[in-house]
């Protein structure tokens, strides 16, 4: 019986599974977008959203709790200083987009990214500046 058993096992022991998910979450915060299998993306999303919520609180206790989930100081620093302040949502920070089938084993692949990817990456401001520059050139 599977009463109150949450999460996937991935056919790995506990330490291997924790390391896998921690590394995926750390990569997500470093690159803001990752491609992995659909099932791994869904499990990574669960952990990452909890850590992002801690990042939005921003206090010392939240930082220490986040370090318990992802013991990488550089990644946690980036989350607390760059990523979390730009998020204006209460929840639902990430999305899973099905992308393709992997050629080797035909696994479902998915892209895990922030919902506000452009805002967090800073592209929206750059795009606006380019549009303004084009409009000014047209007026001249």
N, C-alpha and C. Protein backbone atom coordinates (compact mmCIF):
# COMPACT_ATOMS: atom_id res chain seq x y z
N UNK A 1 0.83 -1.19 0.00
CA UNK A 1 0.00 0.00 0.00
C UNK A 1 0.87 1.24 0.00
N UNK A 2 0.39 2.28 -0.68
CA UNK A 2 1.17 3.51 -0.80
C UNK A 2 0.56 4.65 0.03
N UNK A 3 0.07 4.35 1.20
CA UNK A 3 -0.54 5.40 2.00
C UNK A 3 0.49 6.45 2.39
N UNK A 4 0.20 7.71 2.07
CA UNK A 4 1.00 8.86 2.47
C UNK A 4 2.44 8.80 1.97
N UNK A 5 2.66 8.16 0.84
CA UNK A 5 3.99 8.11 0.24
C UNK A 5 4.00 9.08 -0.92
N UNK A 6 4.76 10.16 -0.78
CA UNK A 6 4.79 11.19 -1.81
C UNK A 6 6.11 11.13 -2.55
N UNK A 7 6.10 11.51 -3.81
CA UNK A 7 7.33 11.61 -4.58
C UNK A 7 7.68 10.34 -5.32
N UNK A 8 8.62 10.48 -6.23
CA UNK A 8 9.07 9.35 -7.04
C UNK A 8 10.38 8.82 -6.49
N UNK A 9 10.65 7.56 -6.75
CA UNK A 9 11.89 6.94 -6.30
C UNK A 9 12.98 6.98 -7.33
N UNK A 10 12.64 7.03 -8.60
CA UNK A 10 13.58 7.05 -9.72
C UNK A 10 14.49 5.83 -9.76
N UNK A 11 14.16 4.77 -9.05
CA UNK A 11 14.99 3.57 -9.06
C UNK A 11 16.36 3.80 -8.43
N UNK A 12 16.44 4.76 -7.52
CA UNK A 12 17.71 5.09 -6.87
C UNK A 12 17.54 5.00 -5.36
N UNK A 13 18.67 4.87 -4.65
CA UNK A 13 18.56 4.91 -3.20
C UNK A 13 18.40 6.36 -2.75
N UNK A 14 18.16 6.56 -1.47
CA UNK A 14 17.80 7.88 -0.96
C UNK A 14 18.88 8.92 -1.21
N UNK A 15 20.13 8.58 -0.91
CA UNK A 15 21.20 9.56 -1.07
C UNK A 15 21.39 9.95 -2.53
N UNK A 16 21.31 8.99 -3.42
CA UNK A 16 21.47 9.28 -4.84
C UNK A 16 20.33 10.16 -5.35
N UNK A 17 19.12 9.87 -4.91
CA UNK A 17 17.95 10.65 -5.33
C UNK A 17 18.05 12.09 -4.82
N UNK A 18 18.44 12.26 -3.54
CA UNK A 18 18.58 13.61 -2.99
C UNK A 18 19.64 14.40 -3.74
N UNK A 19 20.76 13.75 -4.04
CA UNK A 19 21.83 14.43 -4.76
C UNK A 19 21.37 14.83 -6.16
N UNK A 20 20.64 13.95 -6.83
CA UNK A 20 20.12 14.25 -8.16
C UNK A 20 19.22 15.47 -8.13
N UNK A 21 18.27 15.50 -7.21
CA UNK A 21 17.31 16.60 -7.16
C UNK A 21 17.97 17.90 -6.71
N UNK A 22 18.93 17.81 -5.79
CA UNK A 22 19.65 19.02 -5.37
C UNK A 22 20.42 19.61 -6.53
N UNK A 23 21.07 18.75 -7.31
CA UNK A 23 21.84 19.23 -8.45
C UNK A 23 20.94 19.85 -9.52
N UNK A 24 19.76 19.26 -9.74
CA UNK A 24 18.83 19.82 -10.71
C UNK A 24 18.33 21.20 -10.26
N UNK A 25 18.02 21.33 -8.98
CA UNK A 25 17.54 22.61 -8.46
C UNK A 25 18.66 23.66 -8.54
N UNK A 26 19.87 23.26 -8.20
CA UNK A 26 21.00 24.20 -8.28
C UNK A 26 21.22 24.65 -9.72
N UNK A 27 21.12 23.73 -10.67
CA UNK A 27 21.28 24.09 -12.08
C UNK A 27 20.16 25.02 -12.54
N UNK A 28 18.95 24.77 -12.05
CA UNK A 28 17.83 25.64 -12.40
C UNK A 28 18.08 27.07 -11.93
N UNK A 29 18.58 27.24 -10.72
CA UNK A 29 18.82 28.58 -10.20
C UNK A 29 20.01 29.24 -10.90
N UNK A 30 20.97 28.46 -11.34
CA UNK A 30 22.12 29.04 -12.05
C UNK A 30 21.74 29.48 -13.45
N UNK A 31 20.99 28.64 -14.17
CA UNK A 31 20.71 28.89 -15.58
C UNK A 31 19.30 29.41 -15.85
N UNK A 32 18.42 29.38 -14.84
CA UNK A 32 17.03 29.85 -14.91
C UNK A 32 16.15 28.99 -15.81
N UNK A 33 16.71 28.01 -16.48
CA UNK A 33 15.94 27.13 -17.36
C UNK A 33 16.77 25.87 -17.57
N UNK A 34 16.14 24.69 -17.41
CA UNK A 34 16.84 23.44 -17.65
C UNK A 34 15.96 22.50 -18.45
N UNK A 35 16.58 21.55 -19.14
CA UNK A 35 15.83 20.51 -19.83
C UNK A 35 16.21 19.17 -19.22
N UNK A 36 15.20 18.42 -18.82
CA UNK A 36 15.40 17.12 -18.21
C UNK A 36 14.18 16.27 -18.54
N UNK A 37 14.11 15.07 -17.99
CA UNK A 37 12.92 14.26 -18.25
C UNK A 37 11.71 14.88 -17.56
N UNK A 38 10.55 14.58 -18.05
CA UNK A 38 9.33 15.20 -17.53
C UNK A 38 9.10 14.86 -16.05
N UNK A 39 9.36 13.62 -15.68
CA UNK A 39 9.12 13.19 -14.30
C UNK A 39 10.11 13.87 -13.36
N UNK A 40 11.37 13.95 -13.78
CA UNK A 40 12.37 14.64 -12.95
C UNK A 40 12.04 16.12 -12.84
N UNK A 41 11.53 16.71 -13.89
CA UNK A 41 11.17 18.13 -13.87
C UNK A 41 10.06 18.38 -12.85
N UNK A 42 9.08 17.49 -12.80
CA UNK A 42 7.97 17.67 -11.85
C UNK A 42 8.45 17.54 -10.41
N UNK A 43 9.34 16.61 -10.14
CA UNK A 43 9.85 16.46 -8.78
C UNK A 43 10.76 17.63 -8.41
N UNK A 44 11.55 18.09 -9.36
CA UNK A 44 12.43 19.22 -9.11
C UNK A 44 11.60 20.48 -8.83
N UNK A 45 10.50 20.61 -9.52
CA UNK A 45 9.62 21.76 -9.33
C UNK A 45 9.11 21.83 -7.89
N UNK A 46 8.78 20.68 -7.31
CA UNK A 46 8.28 20.64 -5.93
C UNK A 46 9.30 21.23 -4.96
N UNK A 47 10.55 20.79 -5.09
CA UNK A 47 11.59 21.26 -4.18
C UNK A 47 11.94 22.71 -4.45
N UNK A 48 12.08 23.06 -5.71
CA UNK A 48 12.51 24.41 -6.08
C UNK A 48 11.50 25.46 -5.63
N UNK A 49 10.23 25.17 -5.74
CA UNK A 49 9.23 26.16 -5.33
C UNK A 49 9.26 26.40 -3.83
N UNK A 50 9.55 25.36 -3.05
CA UNK A 50 9.69 25.55 -1.61
C UNK A 50 10.87 26.45 -1.29
N UNK A 51 11.98 26.23 -2.00
CA UNK A 51 13.18 27.03 -1.75
C UNK A 51 12.98 28.48 -2.23
N UNK A 52 12.27 28.66 -3.32
CA UNK A 52 11.99 30.02 -3.81
C UNK A 52 11.14 30.78 -2.80
N UNK A 53 10.18 30.11 -2.20
CA UNK A 53 9.36 30.74 -1.17
C UNK A 53 10.22 31.19 0.01
N UNK A 54 11.19 30.36 0.38
CA UNK A 54 12.12 30.76 1.43
C UNK A 54 12.93 31.98 0.98
N UNK A 55 13.33 31.98 -0.29
CA UNK A 55 14.08 33.10 -0.82
C UNK A 55 13.30 34.39 -0.82
N UNK A 56 12.00 34.32 -1.02
CA UNK A 56 11.17 35.52 -1.01
C UNK A 56 11.06 36.09 0.39
N UNK A 57 11.10 35.23 1.43
CA UNK A 57 11.07 35.75 2.80
C UNK A 57 12.34 36.54 3.08
N UNK A 58 13.48 35.96 2.72
CA UNK A 58 14.73 36.71 2.75
C UNK A 58 15.43 36.85 4.09
N UNK A 59 14.91 36.32 5.18
CA UNK A 59 15.58 36.48 6.46
C UNK A 59 16.64 35.39 6.67
N UNK A 60 17.37 35.50 7.75
CA UNK A 60 18.48 34.59 8.02
C UNK A 60 17.99 33.16 8.22
N UNK A 61 16.89 33.01 8.92
CA UNK A 61 16.36 31.67 9.16
C UNK A 61 15.97 30.99 7.84
N UNK A 62 15.35 31.74 6.94
CA UNK A 62 14.97 31.20 5.64
C UNK A 62 16.21 30.81 4.83
N UNK A 63 17.26 31.61 4.92
CA UNK A 63 18.50 31.30 4.20
C UNK A 63 19.11 29.99 4.71
N UNK A 64 19.08 29.80 6.02
CA UNK A 64 19.63 28.56 6.59
C UNK A 64 18.78 27.36 6.21
N UNK A 65 17.47 27.52 6.18
CA UNK A 65 16.61 26.43 5.74
C UNK A 65 16.84 26.09 4.27
N UNK A 66 17.05 27.12 3.45
CA UNK A 66 17.32 26.90 2.03
C UNK A 66 18.65 26.18 1.85
N UNK A 67 19.64 26.53 2.66
CA UNK A 67 20.93 25.84 2.59
C UNK A 67 20.81 24.38 3.01
N UNK A 68 19.82 24.06 3.83
CA UNK A 68 19.59 22.66 4.19
C UNK A 68 19.08 21.88 2.98
N UNK A 69 18.29 22.54 2.13
CA UNK A 69 17.79 21.88 0.92
C UNK A 69 18.86 21.80 -0.15
N UNK A 70 19.58 22.91 -0.35
CA UNK A 70 20.61 22.99 -1.40
C UNK A 70 21.88 23.52 -0.77
N UNK A 71 22.82 22.65 -0.41
CA UNK A 71 24.02 23.12 0.29
C UNK A 71 25.07 23.70 -0.66
N UNK A 72 24.69 24.75 -1.37
CA UNK A 72 25.60 25.44 -2.28
C UNK A 72 25.42 26.94 -2.04
N UNK A 73 26.38 27.54 -1.35
CA UNK A 73 26.24 28.94 -0.93
C UNK A 73 26.12 29.90 -2.11
N UNK A 74 26.84 29.63 -3.19
CA UNK A 74 26.78 30.53 -4.35
C UNK A 74 25.38 30.55 -4.97
N UNK A 75 24.77 29.39 -5.07
CA UNK A 75 23.43 29.29 -5.66
C UNK A 75 22.40 29.96 -4.76
N UNK A 76 22.50 29.73 -3.46
CA UNK A 76 21.55 30.32 -2.52
C UNK A 76 21.71 31.84 -2.49
N UNK A 77 22.94 32.32 -2.58
CA UNK A 77 23.17 33.76 -2.62
C UNK A 77 22.53 34.37 -3.86
N UNK A 78 22.69 33.71 -5.00
CA UNK A 78 22.07 34.21 -6.23
C UNK A 78 20.55 34.21 -6.11
N UNK A 79 19.99 33.16 -5.51
CA UNK A 79 18.55 33.09 -5.32
C UNK A 79 18.06 34.24 -4.45
N UNK A 80 18.71 34.48 -3.33
CA UNK A 80 18.23 35.47 -2.38
C UNK A 80 18.48 36.91 -2.86
N UNK A 81 19.55 37.14 -3.64
CA UNK A 81 19.87 38.51 -4.03
C UNK A 81 19.36 38.90 -5.41
N UNK A 82 19.36 37.96 -6.37
CA UNK A 82 19.00 38.30 -7.74
C UNK A 82 17.63 37.80 -8.17
N UNK A 83 17.32 36.55 -7.85
CA UNK A 83 16.11 35.93 -8.39
C UNK A 83 14.87 36.29 -7.57
N UNK A 84 14.91 36.03 -6.27
CA UNK A 84 13.72 36.19 -5.43
C UNK A 84 13.17 37.62 -5.40
N UNK A 85 14.01 38.67 -5.37
CA UNK A 85 13.43 40.02 -5.34
C UNK A 85 12.64 40.38 -6.60
N UNK A 86 12.90 39.71 -7.71
CA UNK A 86 12.21 40.03 -8.96
C UNK A 86 10.89 39.28 -9.12
N UNK A 87 10.58 38.37 -8.21
CA UNK A 87 9.35 37.58 -8.31
C UNK A 87 8.23 38.28 -7.58
N UNK A 88 7.11 38.51 -8.29
CA UNK A 88 5.96 39.20 -7.70
C UNK A 88 4.77 38.28 -7.47
N UNK A 89 4.98 36.98 -7.52
CA UNK A 89 3.89 36.03 -7.37
C UNK A 89 3.87 35.48 -5.95
N UNK A 90 2.71 34.94 -5.56
CA UNK A 90 2.61 34.27 -4.26
C UNK A 90 2.99 32.80 -4.35
N UNK A 91 2.78 32.21 -5.49
CA UNK A 91 3.13 30.80 -5.70
C UNK A 91 3.13 30.53 -7.20
N UNK A 92 3.45 29.32 -7.58
CA UNK A 92 3.47 28.98 -8.99
C UNK A 92 4.58 29.68 -9.74
N UNK A 93 5.80 29.57 -9.22
CA UNK A 93 6.93 30.29 -9.79
C UNK A 93 7.49 29.61 -11.04
N UNK A 94 7.27 28.31 -11.16
CA UNK A 94 7.89 27.53 -12.23
C UNK A 94 6.84 26.88 -13.11
N UNK A 95 7.25 26.52 -14.34
CA UNK A 95 6.36 25.78 -15.23
C UNK A 95 7.16 24.67 -15.90
N UNK A 96 6.45 23.60 -16.23
CA UNK A 96 7.04 22.46 -16.93
C UNK A 96 6.42 22.42 -18.32
N UNK A 97 7.26 22.56 -19.35
CA UNK A 97 6.81 22.52 -20.73
C UNK A 97 7.33 21.25 -21.39
N UNK A 98 6.43 20.42 -21.88
CA UNK A 98 6.88 19.21 -22.57
C UNK A 98 7.56 19.63 -23.88
N UNK A 99 8.74 19.04 -24.16
CA UNK A 99 9.48 19.53 -25.31
C UNK A 99 9.64 18.50 -26.42
N UNK A 100 10.14 17.31 -26.14
CA UNK A 100 10.45 16.35 -27.20
C UNK A 100 10.58 14.97 -26.59
N UNK A 101 10.93 14.02 -27.43
CA UNK A 101 11.27 12.68 -26.96
C UNK A 101 12.76 12.48 -27.16
N UNK A 102 13.45 11.97 -26.15
CA UNK A 102 14.90 11.77 -26.25
C UNK A 102 15.19 10.65 -27.22
N UNK A 103 16.11 10.87 -28.16
CA UNK A 103 16.37 9.87 -29.20
C UNK A 103 16.85 8.52 -28.68
N UNK A 104 17.64 8.50 -27.61
CA UNK A 104 18.21 7.24 -27.15
C UNK A 104 17.20 6.26 -26.59
N UNK A 105 16.32 6.74 -25.72
CA UNK A 105 15.38 5.84 -25.05
C UNK A 105 13.93 6.30 -25.17
N UNK A 106 13.68 7.33 -25.95
CA UNK A 106 12.32 7.81 -26.21
C UNK A 106 11.62 8.35 -24.95
N UNK A 107 12.40 8.88 -24.01
CA UNK A 107 11.83 9.45 -22.79
C UNK A 107 11.19 10.79 -23.09
N UNK A 108 10.13 11.11 -22.36
CA UNK A 108 9.52 12.43 -22.44
C UNK A 108 10.49 13.44 -21.85
N UNK A 109 10.86 14.44 -22.62
CA UNK A 109 11.72 15.51 -22.12
C UNK A 109 10.86 16.74 -21.87
N UNK A 110 11.30 17.54 -20.90
CA UNK A 110 10.55 18.73 -20.55
C UNK A 110 11.52 19.85 -20.19
N UNK A 111 11.05 21.07 -20.37
CA UNK A 111 11.82 22.25 -19.98
C UNK A 111 11.20 22.80 -18.71
N UNK A 112 12.03 22.96 -17.70
CA UNK A 112 11.60 23.54 -16.43
C UNK A 112 12.15 24.96 -16.39
N UNK A 113 11.25 25.95 -16.32
CA UNK A 113 11.69 27.34 -16.33
C UNK A 113 10.81 28.18 -15.42
N UNK A 114 11.30 29.37 -15.12
CA UNK A 114 10.52 30.32 -14.33
C UNK A 114 9.39 30.87 -15.19
N UNK A 115 8.25 31.11 -14.58
CA UNK A 115 7.11 31.68 -15.30
C UNK A 115 7.47 33.08 -15.78
N UNK A 116 8.17 33.84 -14.95
CA UNK A 116 8.61 35.19 -15.30
C UNK A 116 10.05 35.17 -15.77
N UNK A 117 10.37 34.28 -16.69
CA UNK A 117 11.75 34.07 -17.15
C UNK A 117 12.36 35.36 -17.69
N UNK A 118 11.63 36.10 -18.52
CA UNK A 118 12.16 37.32 -19.12
C UNK A 118 12.45 38.39 -18.07
N UNK A 119 11.58 38.51 -17.09
CA UNK A 119 11.77 39.52 -16.05
C UNK A 119 12.98 39.17 -15.19
N UNK A 120 13.11 37.90 -14.83
CA UNK A 120 14.21 37.49 -13.97
C UNK A 120 15.54 37.59 -14.71
N UNK A 121 15.55 37.20 -15.97
CA UNK A 121 16.79 37.26 -16.74
C UNK A 121 17.16 38.70 -17.09
N UNK A 122 16.17 39.59 -17.13
CA UNK A 122 16.45 40.98 -17.41
C UNK A 122 16.31 41.33 -18.87
N UNK A 123 15.73 40.43 -19.67
CA UNK A 123 15.59 40.68 -21.10
C UNK A 123 14.50 41.71 -21.40
N UNK A 124 13.49 41.78 -20.56
CA UNK A 124 12.37 42.66 -20.88
C UNK A 124 12.82 44.12 -20.95
N UNK A 125 13.69 44.54 -20.05
CA UNK A 125 14.19 45.91 -20.09
C UNK A 125 15.01 46.18 -21.32
N UNK A 126 15.80 45.21 -21.73
CA UNK A 126 16.64 45.36 -22.92
C UNK A 126 15.77 45.46 -24.17
N UNK A 127 14.75 44.63 -24.25
CA UNK A 127 13.85 44.66 -25.40
C UNK A 127 13.13 46.01 -25.49
N UNK A 128 12.71 46.54 -24.35
CA UNK A 128 12.03 47.83 -24.35
C UNK A 128 12.95 48.94 -24.85
N UNK A 129 14.21 48.88 -24.42
CA UNK A 129 15.17 49.90 -24.87
C UNK A 129 15.40 49.82 -26.37
N UNK A 130 15.47 48.59 -26.91
CA UNK A 130 15.67 48.43 -28.35
C UNK A 130 14.47 48.97 -29.13
N UNK A 131 13.27 48.71 -28.63
CA UNK A 131 12.07 49.22 -29.29
C UNK A 131 12.06 50.75 -29.29
N UNK A 132 12.44 51.36 -28.16
CA UNK A 132 12.48 52.81 -28.08
C UNK A 132 13.51 53.37 -29.05
N UNK A 133 14.65 52.72 -29.15
CA UNK A 133 15.70 53.18 -30.08
C UNK A 133 15.21 53.09 -31.53
N UNK A 134 14.50 52.03 -31.88
CA UNK A 134 13.96 51.90 -33.24
C UNK A 134 12.94 52.99 -33.52
N UNK A 135 12.07 53.26 -32.56
CA UNK A 135 11.06 54.29 -32.74
C UNK A 135 11.70 55.67 -32.93
N UNK A 136 12.76 55.95 -32.18
CA UNK A 136 13.45 57.23 -32.31
C UNK A 136 14.10 57.38 -33.67
N UNK A 137 14.65 56.28 -34.20
CA UNK A 137 15.26 56.30 -35.52
C UNK A 137 14.20 56.56 -36.60
N UNK A 138 13.03 55.96 -36.43
CA UNK A 138 11.95 56.17 -37.39
C UNK A 138 11.47 57.63 -37.39
N UNK A 139 11.42 58.24 -36.21
CA UNK A 139 10.96 59.62 -36.10
C UNK A 139 11.95 60.59 -36.76
N UNK A 140 13.23 60.25 -36.70
CA UNK A 140 14.24 61.13 -37.29
C UNK A 140 14.18 61.00 -38.79
